[in-house]
C-alpha atoms as a PDB file:
ATOM      1  CA  UNK A   1      13.112 -47.104 -17.128  1.00  0.00           C
ATOM      2  CA  UNK A   2      13.790 -46.172 -20.738  1.00  0.00           C
ATOM      3  CA  UNK A   3      13.786 -49.893 -21.646  1.00  0.00           C
ATOM      4  CA  UNK A   4      10.558 -50.604 -19.777  1.00  0.00           C
ATOM      5  CA  UNK A   5       8.584 -47.437 -20.436  1.00  0.00           C
ATOM      6  CA  UNK A   6      10.317 -45.899 -23.386  1.00  0.00           C
ATOM      7  CA  UNK A   7      11.173 -42.239 -23.589  1.00  0.00           C
ATOM      8  CA  UNK A   8       9.805 -39.838 -22.697  1.00  0.00           C
ATOM      9  CA  UNK A   9       8.013 -41.106 -19.597  1.00  0.00           C
ATOM     10  CA  UNK A  10       7.179 -39.552 -16.240  1.00  0.00           C
ATOM     11  CA  UNK A  11       8.954 -42.319 -14.282  1.00  0.00           C
ATOM     12  CA  UNK A  12      12.092 -41.877 -16.394  1.00  0.00           C
ATOM     13  CA  UNK A  13      11.984 -38.140 -15.757  1.00  0.00           C
ATOM     14  CA  UNK A  14      11.672 -38.797 -12.015  1.00  0.00           C
ATOM     15  CA  UNK A  15      14.617 -41.212 -12.123  1.00  0.00           C
ATOM     16  CA  UNK A  16      16.753 -38.618 -13.923  1.00  0.00           C
ATOM     17  CA  UNK A  17      15.749 -36.083 -11.281  1.00  0.00           C
ATOM     18  CA  UNK A  18      16.985 -38.427  -8.531  1.00  0.00           C
ATOM     19  CA  UNK A  19      20.212 -39.038 -10.444  1.00  0.00           C
ATOM     20  CA  UNK A  20      20.736 -35.288 -10.791  1.00  0.00           C
ATOM     21  CA  UNK A  21      20.276 -34.784  -7.057  1.00  0.00           C
ATOM     22  CA  UNK A  22      22.814 -37.535  -6.354  1.00  0.00           C
ATOM     23  CA  UNK A  23      25.370 -35.963  -8.713  1.00  0.00           C
ATOM     24  CA  UNK A  24      24.692 -32.586  -7.102  1.00  0.00           C
ATOM     25  CA  UNK A  25      25.439 -33.970  -3.632  1.00  0.00           C
ATOM     26  CA  UNK A  26      28.616 -35.534  -5.029  1.00  0.00           C
ATOM     27  CA  UNK A  27      29.723 -32.089  -6.289  1.00  0.00           C
ATOM     28  CA  UNK A  28      29.632 -33.386  -9.871  1.00  0.00           C
ATOM     29  CA  UNK A  29      27.975 -30.160 -10.943  1.00  0.00           C
ATOM     30  CA  UNK A  30      28.216 -30.527 -14.720  1.00  0.00           C
ATOM     31  CA  UNK A  31      26.752 -34.037 -14.539  1.00  0.00           C
ATOM     32  CA  UNK A  32      23.994 -32.766 -12.252  1.00  0.00           C
ATOM     33  CA  UNK A  33      23.114 -29.946 -14.642  1.00  0.00           C
ATOM     34  CA  UNK A  34      22.944 -32.393 -17.543  1.00  0.00           C
ATOM     35  CA  UNK A  35      20.666 -34.789 -15.650  1.00  0.00           C
ATOM     36  CA  UNK A  36      18.440 -31.978 -14.364  1.00  0.00           C
ATOM     37  CA  UNK A  37      18.115 -30.590 -17.879  1.00  0.00           C
ATOM     38  CA  UNK A  38      17.190 -33.994 -19.307  1.00  0.00           C
ATOM     39  CA  UNK A  39      14.672 -34.530 -16.507  1.00  0.00           C
ATOM     40  CA  UNK A  40      13.034 -31.109 -16.961  1.00  0.00           C
ATOM     41  CA  UNK A  41      12.868 -31.586 -20.715  1.00  0.00           C
ATOM     42  CA  UNK A  42      11.223 -34.978 -20.294  1.00  0.00           C
ATOM     43  CA  UNK A  43       8.646 -33.640 -17.817  1.00  0.00           C
ATOM     44  CA  UNK A  44       7.710 -31.028 -20.412  1.00  0.00           C
ATOM     45  CA  UNK A  45       7.550 -33.611 -23.206  1.00  0.00           C
ATOM     46  CA  UNK A  46       5.086 -35.790 -21.291  1.00  0.00           C
ATOM     47  CA  UNK A  47       3.024 -32.740 -20.340  1.00  0.00           C
ATOM     48  CA  UNK A  48       3.458 -33.007 -16.566  1.00  0.00           C
ATOM     49  CA  UNK A  49       4.100 -29.304 -16.028  1.00  0.00           C
ATOM     50  CA  UNK A  50       1.876 -29.247 -12.931  1.00  0.00           C
ATOM     51  CA  UNK A  51       3.628 -32.229 -11.373  1.00  0.00           C
ATOM     52  CA  UNK A  52       5.207 -31.054  -8.068  1.00  0.00           C
ATOM     53  CA  UNK A  53       8.274 -33.122  -8.895  1.00  0.00           C
ATOM     54  CA  UNK A  54       8.735 -31.017 -12.019  1.00  0.00           C
ATOM     55  CA  UNK A  55       8.806 -27.877  -9.870  1.00  0.00           C
ATOM     56  CA  UNK A  56      11.290 -29.504  -7.494  1.00  0.00           C
ATOM     57  CA  UNK A  57      13.395 -30.546 -10.487  1.00  0.00           C
ATOM     58  CA  UNK A  58      13.432 -26.939 -11.692  1.00  0.00           C
ATOM     59  CA  UNK A  59      14.603 -25.753  -8.269  1.00  0.00           C
ATOM     60  CA  UNK A  60      17.474 -28.235  -8.264  1.00  0.00           C
ATOM     61  CA  UNK A  61      18.328 -27.387 -11.860  1.00  0.00           C
ATOM     62  CA  UNK A  62      18.341 -23.651 -11.147  1.00  0.00           C
ATOM     63  CA  UNK A  63      20.439 -24.089  -8.015  1.00  0.00           C
ATOM     64  CA  UNK A  64      23.026 -26.135  -9.910  1.00  0.00           C
ATOM     65  CA  UNK A  65      23.156 -23.541 -12.690  1.00  0.00           C
ATOM     66  CA  UNK A  66      23.660 -20.757 -10.148  1.00  0.00           C
ATOM     67  CA  UNK A  67      26.391 -22.740  -8.408  1.00  0.00           C
ATOM     68  CA  UNK A  68      28.180 -23.058 -11.757  1.00  0.00           C
ATOM     69  CA  UNK A  69      27.931 -19.294 -12.326  1.00  0.00           C
ATOM     70  CA  UNK A  70      25.397 -19.625 -15.139  1.00  0.00           C
ATOM     71  CA  UNK A  71      23.289 -16.971 -13.490  1.00  0.00           C
ATOM     72  CA  UNK A  72      21.199 -15.823 -16.460  1.00  0.00           C
ATOM     73  CA  UNK A  73      19.874 -19.314 -17.098  1.00  0.00           C
ATOM     74  CA  UNK A  74      19.532 -19.934 -13.357  1.00  0.00           C
ATOM     75  CA  UNK A  75      17.286 -16.884 -13.002  1.00  0.00           C
ATOM     76  CA  UNK A  76      14.968 -18.147 -15.735  1.00  0.00           C
ATOM     77  CA  UNK A  77      14.706 -21.622 -14.221  1.00  0.00           C
ATOM     78  CA  UNK A  78      14.367 -20.522 -10.583  1.00  0.00           C
ATOM     79  CA  UNK A  79      11.671 -18.011 -11.519  1.00  0.00           C
ATOM     80  CA  UNK A  80       9.617 -20.781 -13.106  1.00  0.00           C
ATOM     81  CA  UNK A  81      10.232 -23.054 -10.109  1.00  0.00           C
ATOM     82  CA  UNK A  82       8.974 -20.399  -7.679  1.00  0.00           C
ATOM     83  CA  UNK A  83       5.930 -19.682  -9.824  1.00  0.00           C
ATOM     84  CA  UNK A  84       4.941 -23.330 -10.116  1.00  0.00           C
ATOM     85  CA  UNK A  85       5.516 -24.125  -6.422  1.00  0.00           C
ATOM     86  CA  UNK A  86       3.448 -21.100  -5.384  1.00  0.00           C
ATOM     87  CA  UNK A  87       0.637 -22.100  -7.767  1.00  0.00           C
ATOM     88  CA  UNK A  88       0.620 -25.722  -6.620  1.00  0.00           C
ATOM     89  CA  UNK A  89       1.051 -25.356  -2.855  1.00  0.00           C
ATOM     90  CA  UNK A  90       0.794 -21.685  -1.905  1.00  0.00           C
ATOM     91  CA  UNK A  91       3.171 -18.737  -1.740  1.00  0.00           C
ATOM     92  CA  UNK A  92       5.130 -20.029   1.252  1.00  0.00           C
ATOM     93  CA  UNK A  93       6.396 -23.008  -0.772  1.00  0.00           C
ATOM     94  CA  UNK A  94       8.134 -20.617  -3.160  1.00  0.00           C
ATOM     95  CA  UNK A  95      10.424 -19.277  -0.419  1.00  0.00           C
ATOM     96  CA  UNK A  96      13.422 -21.515  -1.083  1.00  0.00           C
ATOM     97  CA  UNK A  97      13.694 -20.911  -4.851  1.00  0.00           C
ATOM     98  CA  UNK A  98      12.994 -17.213  -4.252  1.00  0.00           C
ATOM     99  CA  UNK A  99      16.006 -17.013  -1.936  1.00  0.00           C
ATOM    100  CA  UNK A 100      18.219 -18.573  -4.608  1.00  0.00           C
ATOM    101  CA  UNK A 101      16.664 -16.346  -7.277  1.00  0.00           C
ATOM    102  CA  UNK A 102      17.463 -13.189  -5.291  1.00  0.00           C
ATOM    103  CA  UNK A 103      21.080 -14.313  -4.900  1.00  0.00           C
ATOM    104  CA  UNK A 104      21.449 -15.069  -8.628  1.00  0.00           C
ATOM    105  CA  UNK A 105      20.006 -11.686  -9.580  1.00  0.00           C
ATOM    106  CA  UNK A 106      22.381  -9.977  -7.155  1.00  0.00           C
ATOM    107  CA  UNK A 107      25.330 -11.740  -8.758  1.00  0.00           C
ATOM    108  CA  UNK A 108      24.130 -10.438 -12.120  1.00  0.00           C
ATOM    109  CA  UNK A 109      24.043  -6.903 -10.724  1.00  0.00           C
ATOM    110  CA  UNK A 110      20.251  -6.704 -11.109  1.00  0.00           C
ATOM    111  CA  UNK A 111      19.768  -5.063  -7.732  1.00  0.00           C
ATOM    112  CA  UNK A 112      16.316  -3.608  -8.370  1.00  0.00           C
ATOM    113  CA  UNK A 113      14.814  -6.930  -9.403  1.00  0.00           C
ATOM    114  CA  UNK A 114      16.662  -8.774  -6.629  1.00  0.00           C
ATOM    115  CA  UNK A 115      15.229  -6.298  -4.140  1.00  0.00           C
ATOM    116  CA  UNK A 116      11.712  -7.059  -5.311  1.00  0.00           C
ATOM    117  CA  UNK A 117      12.280 -10.782  -4.815  1.00  0.00           C
ATOM    118  CA  UNK A 118      13.796 -10.138  -1.367  1.00  0.00           C
ATOM    119  CA  UNK A 119      10.698  -8.130  -0.377  1.00  0.00           C
ATOM    120  CA  UNK A 120       8.458 -10.960  -1.575  1.00  0.00           C
ATOM    121  CA  UNK A 121      10.480 -13.443   0.480  1.00  0.00           C
ATOM    122  CA  UNK A 122      10.366 -11.150   3.508  1.00  0.00           C
ATOM    123  CA  UNK A 123       6.586 -10.924   3.193  1.00  0.00           C
ATOM    124  CA  UNK A 124       6.321 -14.728   3.258  1.00  0.00           C
ATOM    125  CA  UNK A 125       8.375 -14.902   6.444  1.00  0.00           C
ATOM    126  CA  UNK A 126       6.539 -12.008   8.125  1.00  0.00           C
ATOM    127  CA  UNK A 127       3.141 -13.480   7.297  1.00  0.00           C
ATOM    128  CA  UNK A 128       4.164 -16.758   8.910  1.00  0.00           C
ATOM    129  CA  UNK A 129       5.307 -15.003  12.093  1.00  0.00           C
ATOM    130  CA  UNK A 130       2.123 -12.912  12.235  1.00  0.00           C
ATOM    131  CA  UNK A 131      -0.077 -15.965  11.632  1.00  0.00           C
ATOM    132  CA  UNK A 132       1.436 -17.959  14.490  1.00  0.00           C
ATOM    133  CA  UNK A 133       1.292 -14.970  16.835  1.00  0.00           C
ATOM    134  CA  UNK A 134       5.044 -14.487  17.169  1.00  0.00           C
ATOM    135  CA  UNK A 135       4.883 -10.988  15.702  1.00  0.00           C
ATOM    136  CA  UNK A 136       2.178  -8.374  16.031  1.00  0.00           C
ATOM    137  CA  UNK A 137       0.269  -7.927  12.767  1.00  0.00           C
ATOM    138  CA  UNK A 138       0.778  -4.157  12.730  1.00  0.00           C
ATOM    139  CA  UNK A 139       4.527  -4.551  13.331  1.00  0.00           C
ATOM    140  CA  UNK A 140       4.737  -7.053  10.474  1.00  0.00           C
ATOM    141  CA  UNK A 141       2.868  -4.644   8.193  1.00  0.00           C
ATOM    142  CA  UNK A 142       5.192  -1.776   9.141  1.00  0.00           C
ATOM    143  CA  UNK A 143       8.259  -3.860   8.292  1.00  0.00           C
ATOM    144  CA  UNK A 144       6.756  -4.883   4.936  1.00  0.00           C
ATOM    145  CA  UNK A 145       5.921  -1.296   4.002  1.00  0.00           C
ATOM    146  CA  UNK A 146       9.335   0.003   5.039  1.00  0.00           C
ATOM    147  CA  UNK A 147      11.138  -2.732   3.108  1.00  0.00           C
ATOM    148  CA  UNK A 148       9.114  -1.972  -0.014  1.00  0.00           C
ATOM    149  CA  UNK A 149       9.863   1.723   0.395  1.00  0.00           C
ATOM    150  CA  UNK A 150      13.591   0.979   0.660  1.00  0.00           C
ATOM    151  CA  UNK A 151      13.370  -1.179  -2.454  1.00  0.00           C
ATOM    152  CA  UNK A 152      11.653   1.646  -4.335  1.00  0.00           C
ATOM    153  CA  UNK A 153      13.974   4.485  -3.308  1.00  0.00           C
ATOM    154  CA  UNK A 154      17.187   2.834  -2.051  1.00  0.00           C
ATOM    155  CA  UNK A 155      18.122   5.894  -0.011  1.00  0.00           C
ATOM    156  CA  UNK A 156      19.291   6.564   3.522  1.00  0.00           C
ATOM    157  CA  UNK A 157      16.010   7.859   4.975  1.00  0.00           C
ATOM    158  CA  UNK A 158      14.114   4.802   3.751  1.00  0.00           C
ATOM    159  CA  UNK A 159      16.764   2.506   5.204  1.00  0.00           C
ATOM    160  CA  UNK A 160      16.571   4.345   8.545  1.00  0.00           C
ATOM    161  CA  UNK A 161      12.793   3.907   8.491  1.00  0.00           C
ATOM    162  CA  UNK A 162      13.167   0.167   7.943  1.00  0.00           C
ATOM    163  CA  UNK A 163      15.652  -0.070  10.801  1.00  0.00           C
ATOM    164  CA  UNK A 164      13.138   1.716  13.049  1.00  0.00           C
ATOM    165  CA  UNK A 165      10.399  -0.672  11.926  1.00  0.00           C
ATOM    166  CA  UNK A 166      12.601  -3.623  12.899  1.00  0.00           C
ATOM    167  CA  UNK A 167      12.877  -2.365  16.503  1.00  0.00           C
ATOM    168  CA  UNK A 168      10.063  -4.605  17.890  1.00  0.00           C
ATOM    169  CA  UNK A 169      12.117  -7.667  16.941  1.00  0.00           C
ATOM    170  CA  UNK A 170      14.624  -6.797  19.674  1.00  0.00           C
ATOM    171  CA  UNK A 171      12.105  -7.814  22.346  1.00  0.00           C
ATOM    172  CA  UNK A 172      11.545 -11.232  20.805  1.00  0.00           C
ATOM    173  CA  UNK A 173      13.595 -14.390  21.149  1.00  0.00           C
ATOM    174  CA  UNK A 174      16.043 -14.570  18.190  1.00  0.00           C
ATOM    175  CA  UNK A 175      15.156 -18.239  17.787  1.00  0.00           C
ATOM    176  CA  UNK A 176      11.653 -17.113  16.803  1.00  0.00           C
ATOM    177  CA  UNK A 177      12.631 -14.426  14.302  1.00  0.00           C
ATOM    178  CA  UNK A 178      15.783 -15.815  12.678  1.00  0.00           C
ATOM    179  CA  UNK A 179      13.829 -16.548   9.476  1.00  0.00           C
ATOM    180  CA  UNK A 180      13.790 -12.799   8.769  1.00  0.00           C
ATOM    181  CA  UNK A 181      17.574 -12.557   8.720  1.00  0.00           C
ATOM    182  CA  UNK A 182      18.015 -14.167   5.303  1.00  0.00           C
ATOM    183  CA  UNK A 183      15.479 -11.989   3.439  1.00  0.00           C
ATOM    184  CA  UNK A 184      16.849  -8.821   5.057  1.00  0.00           C
ATOM    185  CA  UNK A 185      20.426  -9.742   4.134  1.00  0.00           C
ATOM    186  CA  UNK A 186      19.260 -10.397   0.574  1.00  0.00           C
ATOM    187  CA  UNK A 187      17.550  -7.010   0.508  1.00  0.00           C
ATOM    188  CA  UNK A 188      20.755  -5.329   1.670  1.00  0.00           C
ATOM    189  CA  UNK A 189      22.733  -7.243  -0.969  1.00  0.00           C
ATOM    190  CA  UNK A 190      20.243  -6.081  -3.612  1.00  0.00           C
ATOM    191  CA  UNK A 191      20.749  -2.462  -2.545  1.00  0.00           C
ATOM    192  CA  UNK A 192      24.520  -3.003  -2.793  1.00  0.00           C
ATOM    193  CA  UNK A 193      24.180  -4.577  -6.264  1.00  0.00           C
ATOM    194  CA  UNK A 194      22.126  -1.555  -7.352  1.00  0.00           C
ATOM    195  CA  UNK A 195      25.102   0.673  -6.563  1.00  0.00           C
ATOM    196  CA  UNK A 196      24.030   2.101  -3.205  1.00  0.00           C
ATOM    197  CA  UNK A 197      26.833   0.777  -1.005  1.00  0.00           C
ATOM    198  CA  UNK A 198      26.371   3.466   1.654  1.00  0.00           C
ATOM    199  CA  UNK A 199      22.698   2.562   2.122  1.00  0.00           C
ATOM    200  CA  UNK A 200      23.438  -1.175   2.066  1.00  0.00           C
ATOM    201  CA  UNK A 201      26.067  -0.686   4.749  1.00  0.00           C
ATOM    202  CA  UNK A 202      23.504   0.980   7.030  1.00  0.00           C
ATOM    203  CA  UNK A 203      21.322  -2.115   6.895  1.00  0.00           C
ATOM    204  CA  UNK A 204      24.204  -4.581   7.116  1.00  0.00           C
ATOM    205  CA  UNK A 205      25.562  -2.838  10.208  1.00  0.00           C
ATOM    206  CA  UNK A 206      22.148  -3.086  11.839  1.00  0.00           C
ATOM    207  CA  UNK A 207      21.750  -6.755  10.951  1.00  0.00           C
ATOM    208  CA  UNK A 208      25.275  -8.045  11.457  1.00  0.00           C
ATOM    209  CA  UNK A 209      26.136  -9.966  14.588  1.00  0.00           C
ATOM    210  CA  UNK A 210      29.495  -9.296  16.237  1.00  0.00           C
ATOM    211  CA  UNK A 211      32.376 -10.966  14.427  1.00  0.00           C
ATOM    212  CA  UNK A 212      32.790 -13.533  17.179  1.00  0.00           C
ATOM    213  CA  UNK A 213      29.099 -14.569  16.874  1.00  0.00           C
ATOM    214  CA  UNK A 214      29.306 -14.994  13.102  1.00  0.00           C
ATOM    215  CA  UNK A 215      32.525 -16.980  13.556  1.00  0.00           C
ATOM    216  CA  UNK A 216      30.896 -19.832  15.465  1.00  0.00           C
ATOM    217  CA  UNK A 217      30.954 -23.136  13.634  1.00  0.00           C
ATOM    218  CA  UNK A 218      27.167 -23.202  14.089  1.00  0.00           C
ATOM    219  CA  UNK A 219      26.725 -19.804  12.436  1.00  0.00           C
ATOM    220  CA  UNK A 220      23.894 -19.614   9.915  1.00  0.00           C
ATOM    221  CA  UNK A 221      24.696 -18.831   6.308  1.00  0.00           C
ATOM    222  CA  UNK A 222      22.741 -15.584   6.636  1.00  0.00           C
ATOM    223  CA  UNK A 223      24.993 -14.466   9.515  1.00  0.00           C
ATOM    224  CA  UNK A 224      28.044 -15.052   7.359  1.00  0.00           C
ATOM    225  CA  UNK A 225      26.290 -13.367   4.444  1.00  0.00           C
ATOM    226  CA  UNK A 226      25.622 -10.294   6.552  1.00  0.00           C
ATOM    227  CA  UNK A 227      29.235 -10.023   7.623  1.00  0.00           C
ATOM    228  CA  UNK A 228      30.402 -10.517   4.040  1.00  0.00           C
ATOM    229  CA  UNK A 229      27.951  -7.886   2.855  1.00  0.00           C
ATOM    230  CA  UNK A 230      29.282  -5.379   5.347  1.00  0.00           C
ATOM    231  CA  UNK A 231      32.836  -6.040   4.140  1.00  0.00           C
ATOM    232  CA  UNK A 232      31.873  -5.868   0.457  1.00  0.00           C
ATOM    233  CA  UNK A 233      30.035  -2.595   1.053  1.00  0.00           C
ATOM    234  CA  UNK A 234      33.170  -1.152   2.631  1.00  0.00           C
ATOM    235  CA  UNK A 235      35.284  -2.300  -0.313  1.00  0.00           C
ATOM    236  CA  UNK A 236      32.824  -0.629  -2.695  1.00  0.00           C
ATOM    237  CA  UNK A 237      33.094   2.573  -0.656  1.00  0.00           C
ATOM    238  CA  UNK A 238      36.897   2.451  -0.664  1.00  0.00           C
ATOM    239  CA  UNK A 239      37.061   1.809   3.095  1.00  0.00           C
ATOM    240  CA  UNK A 240      39.696  -0.879   2.659  1.00  0.00           C
ATOM    241  CA  UNK A 241      41.250  -0.587   6.125  1.00  0.00           C
ATOM    242  CA  UNK A 242      37.883  -1.360   7.707  1.00  0.00           C
ATOM    243  CA  UNK A 243      36.987  -4.122   5.238  1.00  0.00           C
ATOM    244  CA  UNK A 244      40.258  -5.983   5.731  1.00  0.00           C
ATOM    245  CA  UNK A 245      39.730  -7.289   9.308  1.00  0.00           C
ATOM    246  CA  UNK A 246      36.175  -8.324   8.446  1.00  0.00           C
ATOM    247  CA  UNK A 247      37.380 -10.331   5.455  1.00  0.00           C
ATOM    248  CA  UNK A 248      40.253 -11.812   7.462  1.00  0.00           C
ATOM    249  CA  UNK A 249      37.659 -13.041   9.965  1.00  0.00           C
ATOM    250  CA  UNK A 250      34.928 -14.247   7.639  1.00  0.00           C
ATOM    251  CA  UNK A 251      37.153 -16.112   5.146  1.00  0.00           C
ATOM    252  CA  UNK A 252      38.439 -18.772   7.584  1.00  0.00           C
ATOM    253  CA  UNK A 253      34.964 -18.986   9.129  1.00  0.00           C
ATOM    254  CA  UNK A 254      33.424 -19.660   5.720  1.00  0.00           C
ATOM    255  CA  UNK A 255      36.074 -22.333   5.086  1.00  0.00           C
ATOM    256  CA  UNK A 256      35.204 -24.006   8.368  1.00  0.00           C
ATOM    257  CA  UNK A 257      31.430 -23.779   7.999  1.00  0.00           C
ATOM    258  CA  UNK A 258      30.959 -24.515   4.283  1.00  0.00           C
ATOM    259  CA  UNK A 259      33.998 -26.696   3.580  1.00  0.00           C
ATOM    260  CA  UNK A 260      34.933 -27.544   0.022  1.00  0.00           C
ATOM    261  CA  UNK A 261      31.413 -26.800  -1.206  1.00  0.00           C
ATOM    262  CA  UNK A 262      32.017 -23.130  -0.501  1.00  0.00           C
ATOM    263  CA  UNK A 263      35.526 -23.051  -1.983  1.00  0.00           C
ATOM    264  CA  UNK A 264      34.637 -20.811  -4.921  1.00  0.00           C
ATOM    265  CA  UNK A 265      32.863 -18.197  -2.824  1.00  0.00           C
ATOM    266  CA  UNK A 266      35.761 -18.207  -0.357  1.00  0.00           C
ATOM    267  CA  UNK A 267      38.241 -17.727  -3.207  1.00  0.00           C
ATOM    268  CA  UNK A 268      36.217 -14.807  -4.542  1.00  0.00           C
ATOM    269  CA  UNK A 269      36.287 -13.191  -1.107  1.00  0.00           C
ATOM    270  CA  UNK A 270      40.063 -13.645  -1.136  1.00  0.00           C
ATOM    271  CA  UNK A 271      40.158 -11.501  -4.261  1.00  0.00           C
ATOM    272  CA  UNK A 272      38.432  -8.751  -2.270  1.00  0.00           C
ATOM    273  CA  UNK A 273      40.964  -9.172   0.531  1.00  0.00           C
ATOM    274  CA  UNK A 274      43.757  -8.939  -2.045  1.00  0.00           C
ATOM    275  CA  UNK A 275      42.320  -5.598  -3.133  1.00  0.00           C
ATOM    276  CA  UNK A 276      42.549  -4.378   0.460  1.00  0.00           C
ATOM    277  CA  UNK A 277      46.152  -5.577   0.696  1.00  0.00           C
ATOM    278  CA  UNK A 278      47.004  -3.900  -2.593  1.00  0.00           C
ATOM    279  CA  UNK A 279      45.569  -0.600  -1.377  1.00  0.00           C
ATOM    280  CA  UNK A 280      47.684  -0.934   1.776  1.00  0.00           C
ATOM    281  CA  UNK A 281      50.820  -1.224  -0.349  1.00  0.00           C
ATOM    282  CA  UNK A 282      51.291  -4.970   0.263  1.00  0.00           C
ATOM    283  CA  UNK A 283      51.549  -5.669  -3.451  1.00  0.00           C
ATOM    284  CA  UNK A 284      53.553  -8.880  -3.305  1.00  0.00           C
ATOM    285  CA  UNK A 285      51.235 -10.490  -0.762  1.00  0.00           C
ATOM    286  CA  UNK A 286      48.209  -9.345  -2.765  1.00  0.00           C
ATOM    287  CA  UNK A 287      49.626 -10.804  -5.971  1.00  0.00           C
ATOM    288  CA  UNK A 288      50.171 -14.174  -4.318  1.00  0.00           C
ATOM    289  CA  UNK A 289      46.654 -14.194  -2.953  1.00  0.00           C
ATOM    290  CA  UNK A 290      45.229 -13.321  -6.371  1.00  0.00           C
ATOM    291  CA  UNK A 291      47.151 -16.173  -8.002  1.00  0.00           C
ATOM    292  CA  UNK A 292      45.978 -18.643  -5.369  1.00  0.00           C
ATOM    293  CA  UNK A 293      42.326 -17.528  -5.459  1.00  0.00           C
ATOM    294  CA  UNK A 294      42.183 -17.438  -9.255  1.00  0.00           C
ATOM    295  CA  UNK A 295      43.649 -20.936  -9.427  1.00  0.00           C
ATOM    296  CA  UNK A 296      40.914 -22.226  -7.127  1.00  0.00           C
ATOM    297  CA  UNK A 297      38.232 -20.464  -9.160  1.00  0.00           C
ATOM    298  CA  UNK A 298      39.606 -21.821 -12.428  1.00  0.00           C
ATOM    299  CA  UNK A 299      39.564 -25.336 -10.989  1.00  0.00           C
ATOM    300  CA  UNK A 300      36.184 -25.067  -9.240  1.00  0.00           C
ATOM    301  CA  UNK A 301      34.218 -23.013 -11.755  1.00  0.00           C
ATOM    302  CA  UNK A 302      36.182 -23.045 -14.987  1.00  0.00           C
ATOM    303  CA  UNK A 303      38.028 -20.349 -16.969  1.00  0.00           C
ATOM    304  CA  UNK A 304      34.887 -18.547 -18.182  1.00  0.00           C
ATOM    305  CA  UNK A 305      33.208 -18.077 -14.810  1.00  0.00           C
ATOM    306  CA  UNK A 306      32.767 -14.364 -13.934  1.00  0.00           C
ATOM    307  CA  UNK A 307      34.734 -14.716 -10.705  1.00  0.00           C
ATOM    308  CA  UNK A 308      37.616 -16.430 -12.521  1.00  0.00           C
ATOM    309  CA  UNK A 309      37.692 -13.641 -15.088  1.00  0.00           C
ATOM    310  CA  UNK A 310      37.723 -11.082 -12.281  1.00  0.00           C
ATOM    311  CA  UNK A 311      40.780 -12.781 -10.806  1.00  0.00           C
ATOM    312  CA  UNK A 312      42.538 -12.904 -14.176  1.00  0.00           C
ATOM    313  CA  UNK A 313      41.908  -9.182 -14.650  1.00  0.00           C
ATOM    314  CA  UNK A 314      43.266  -8.379 -11.189  1.00  0.00           C
ATOM    315  CA  UNK A 315      46.359 -10.467 -11.884  1.00  0.00           C
ATOM    316  CA  UNK A 316      47.057  -8.548 -15.099  1.00  0.00           C
ATOM    317  CA  UNK A 317      46.536  -5.199 -13.406  1.00  0.00           C
ATOM    318  CA  UNK A 318      48.835  -5.913 -10.472  1.00  0.00           C
ATOM    319  CA  UNK A 319      51.565  -7.223 -12.793  1.00  0.00           C
ATOM    320  CA  UNK A 320      51.812  -3.879 -14.612  1.00  0.00           C
END
């Protein structure tokens, strides 16, 4: 394409976008990021900022950056992707990048902003359910208002109010309302990232399926995320004895469901399990788990990734 059309050119940008997606699926993350960056740059150079393929390129680029732990840059790119998709096709088309954006913000510890994105995503899902008649309009409005109130205050009473507002969902078929699970888990994660582990745990415990349900090989990522969130909330609260069995259940489930693509996240969860073991006095076992998990993180994400650095710090602390 560069030979035929020269550079920059829209067709060359599109070809680079396809190459980036291929590298992404091959788990060649650095190569994918490079190709996505070149593609996005070329789209901008030719002035095709309203091209839907440019928005899709930004989503892929942001997702790859987030996967590599480059969360600050990922937030910038995913925010633009969501904005452009919403402008071009409507708010509902922004849902996928918004979900990734909320997760990246949570990883950065920006709980308040992540909560706002989660509420926006929840509104998209609720509007769809109300439009097709699955959910009563007044019930959808009550859930929206309660979620926004929880985002604003992040306290127990607001969380209890949201849980009450979710009650009508119990009478509906879960296959019709499962799209709400992801936004609600992201909202709970945002509350946890903002430092309100006790409030987050209230919502996680309401949302979480039983361990055996989340352990099915067909479990949705949001089900696993809810179980992980409950465990992480307990770790943050110092309830290590309760967090340990949850982590011991979810870690092998995540390995089975996500495979090698989820290796880094699984390794990071092992660091949390090691903390539980350390608190139980099983120092030698914890140290071995830290070494193993940190080795995986170093290999999968590199020595400068935040999760790798967390493992290195834990290893130094336990060696003292």
